[in-house]
Amino acid sequence: MSAILTSILAIIGQLAGSTGNAALVEKIIEALIAIIPVVVKEYQDLAPIIQNIITALKSDPSTTAVQLEQLQQLEIQWDAEFEAAAAAALAQDAAPGPAA
């Protein structure tokens, strides 16, 4: 699954930097909204790719003000979910293991 997501994100990343098309930007945002929960839960190594896509979309001149707001909210959600996942992982690592 990771290879599939990596390929999909690579294609989206190529599109994100030069869309010139607000409708395509909207579709990319929709795809990110659907993919991010899966990446946060299972594939944290893909995080830089998603962040690069968000950055590219934010700098695309065809991105509308509404879409920029969506991207900003997506970044806030993204950061919060990753912080929660990191905290959970730290808590799990700190939890005592079974007694031997």
Protein backbone atom coordinates (compact mmCIF):
# COMPACT_ATOMS: atom_id res chain seq x y z
CA MET A 1 0.00 0.00 0.00
CA SER A 2 2.87 2.36 0.79
CA ALA A 3 4.22 2.01 -2.74
CA ILE A 4 0.82 2.83 -4.19
CA LEU A 5 0.43 5.90 -1.99
CA THR A 6 3.96 7.01 -2.83
CA SER A 7 3.19 6.76 -6.55
CA ILE A 8 -0.11 8.59 -6.20
CA LEU A 9 1.52 11.33 -4.14
CA ALA A 10 4.34 11.65 -6.70
CA ILE A 11 1.80 12.23 -9.46
CA ILE A 12 -0.17 14.68 -7.34
CA GLY A 13 3.08 16.45 -6.47
CA GLN A 14 3.93 16.90 -10.13
CA LEU A 15 0.50 18.30 -10.83
CA ALA A 16 0.45 20.54 -7.76
CA GLY A 17 3.34 22.73 -8.80
CA SER A 18 1.96 23.84 -12.12
CA THR A 19 -1.76 23.34 -12.36
CA GLY A 20 -2.90 26.77 -13.48
CA ASN A 21 -6.37 25.36 -12.93
CA ALA A 22 -8.48 26.09 -9.84
CA ALA A 23 -10.70 23.06 -10.49
CA LEU A 24 -7.68 20.75 -10.49
CA VAL A 25 -6.41 22.39 -7.30
CA GLU A 26 -9.79 21.58 -5.72
CA LYS A 27 -9.51 17.92 -6.77
CA ILE A 28 -5.98 17.71 -5.34
CA ILE A 29 -7.18 19.19 -2.05
CA GLU A 30 -10.00 16.62 -1.94
CA ALA A 31 -7.47 13.83 -2.54
CA LEU A 32 -5.23 15.14 0.24
CA ILE A 33 -8.14 15.31 2.65
CA ALA A 34 -8.87 11.64 1.89
CA ILE A 35 -5.24 10.48 2.02
CA ILE A 36 -3.95 12.35 5.09
CA PRO A 37 -5.70 10.22 7.75
CA VAL A 38 -4.24 7.06 6.21
CA VAL A 39 -0.76 8.56 6.04
CA VAL A 40 -0.92 9.79 9.64
CA LYS A 41 -2.03 6.38 10.87
CA GLU A 42 0.15 4.10 8.77
CA TYR A 43 2.73 5.83 6.60
CA GLN A 44 4.44 8.73 8.38
CA ASP A 45 7.40 8.48 6.00
CA LEU A 46 5.17 10.03 3.32
CA ALA A 47 4.65 13.20 5.36
CA PRO A 48 7.28 15.29 3.52
CA ILE A 49 5.66 14.50 0.18
CA ILE A 50 2.27 15.73 1.38
CA GLN A 51 3.80 18.86 2.90
CA ASN A 52 5.54 19.59 -0.42
CA ILE A 53 2.22 19.23 -2.26
CA ILE A 54 0.49 21.62 0.13
CA THR A 55 3.34 24.12 -0.27
CA ALA A 56 3.17 23.85 -4.07
CA LEU A 57 -0.59 24.38 -4.11
CA LYS A 58 -0.31 27.39 -1.82
CA SER A 59 2.13 29.01 -4.25
CA ASP A 60 0.11 28.14 -7.38
CA PRO A 61 -1.35 31.38 -8.78
CA SER A 62 -4.58 29.63 -9.77
CA THR A 63 -5.31 28.63 -6.17
CA THR A 64 -8.31 30.62 -5.00
CA ALA A 65 -8.67 32.34 -1.61
CA VAL A 66 -11.11 29.63 -0.51
CA GLN A 67 -8.66 26.93 -1.54
CA LEU A 68 -5.83 28.70 0.30
CA GLU A 69 -7.99 28.68 3.42
CA GLN A 70 -8.66 24.95 2.92
CA LEU A 71 -4.93 24.33 2.59
CA GLN A 72 -4.19 26.31 5.74
CA GLN A 73 -6.83 24.33 7.65
CA LEU A 74 -5.41 21.12 6.20
CA GLU A 75 -1.96 22.07 7.49
CA ILE A 76 -3.38 22.76 10.95
CA GLN A 77 -5.17 19.38 10.93
CA TRP A 78 -2.05 17.68 9.59
CA ASP A 79 0.16 19.15 12.33
CA ALA A 80 -2.33 18.30 15.08
CA GLU A 81 -2.75 14.70 13.90
CA PHE A 82 0.98 14.15 13.65
CA GLU A 83 1.57 15.64 17.10
CA ALA A 84 -1.13 13.35 18.52
CA ALA A 85 0.39 10.32 16.77
CA ALA A 86 3.86 11.20 18.04
CA ALA A 87 2.55 11.66 21.59
CA ALA A 88 0.76 8.31 21.41
CA ALA A 89 3.91 6.60 20.16
CA LEU A 90 5.97 8.15 22.97
CA ALA A 91 3.39 7.08 25.55
CA GLN A 92 3.37 3.56 24.17
CA ASP A 93 7.19 3.42 24.24
CA ALA A 94 7.20 4.69 27.85
CA ALA A 95 4.60 2.20 29.01
CA PRO A 96 6.06 -0.66 31.05
CA GLY A 97 6.28 -3.92 29.17
CA PRO A 98 4.89 -7.21 30.42
CA ALA A 99 6.63 -8.60 33.47
CA ALA A 100 9.06 -11.37 32.75
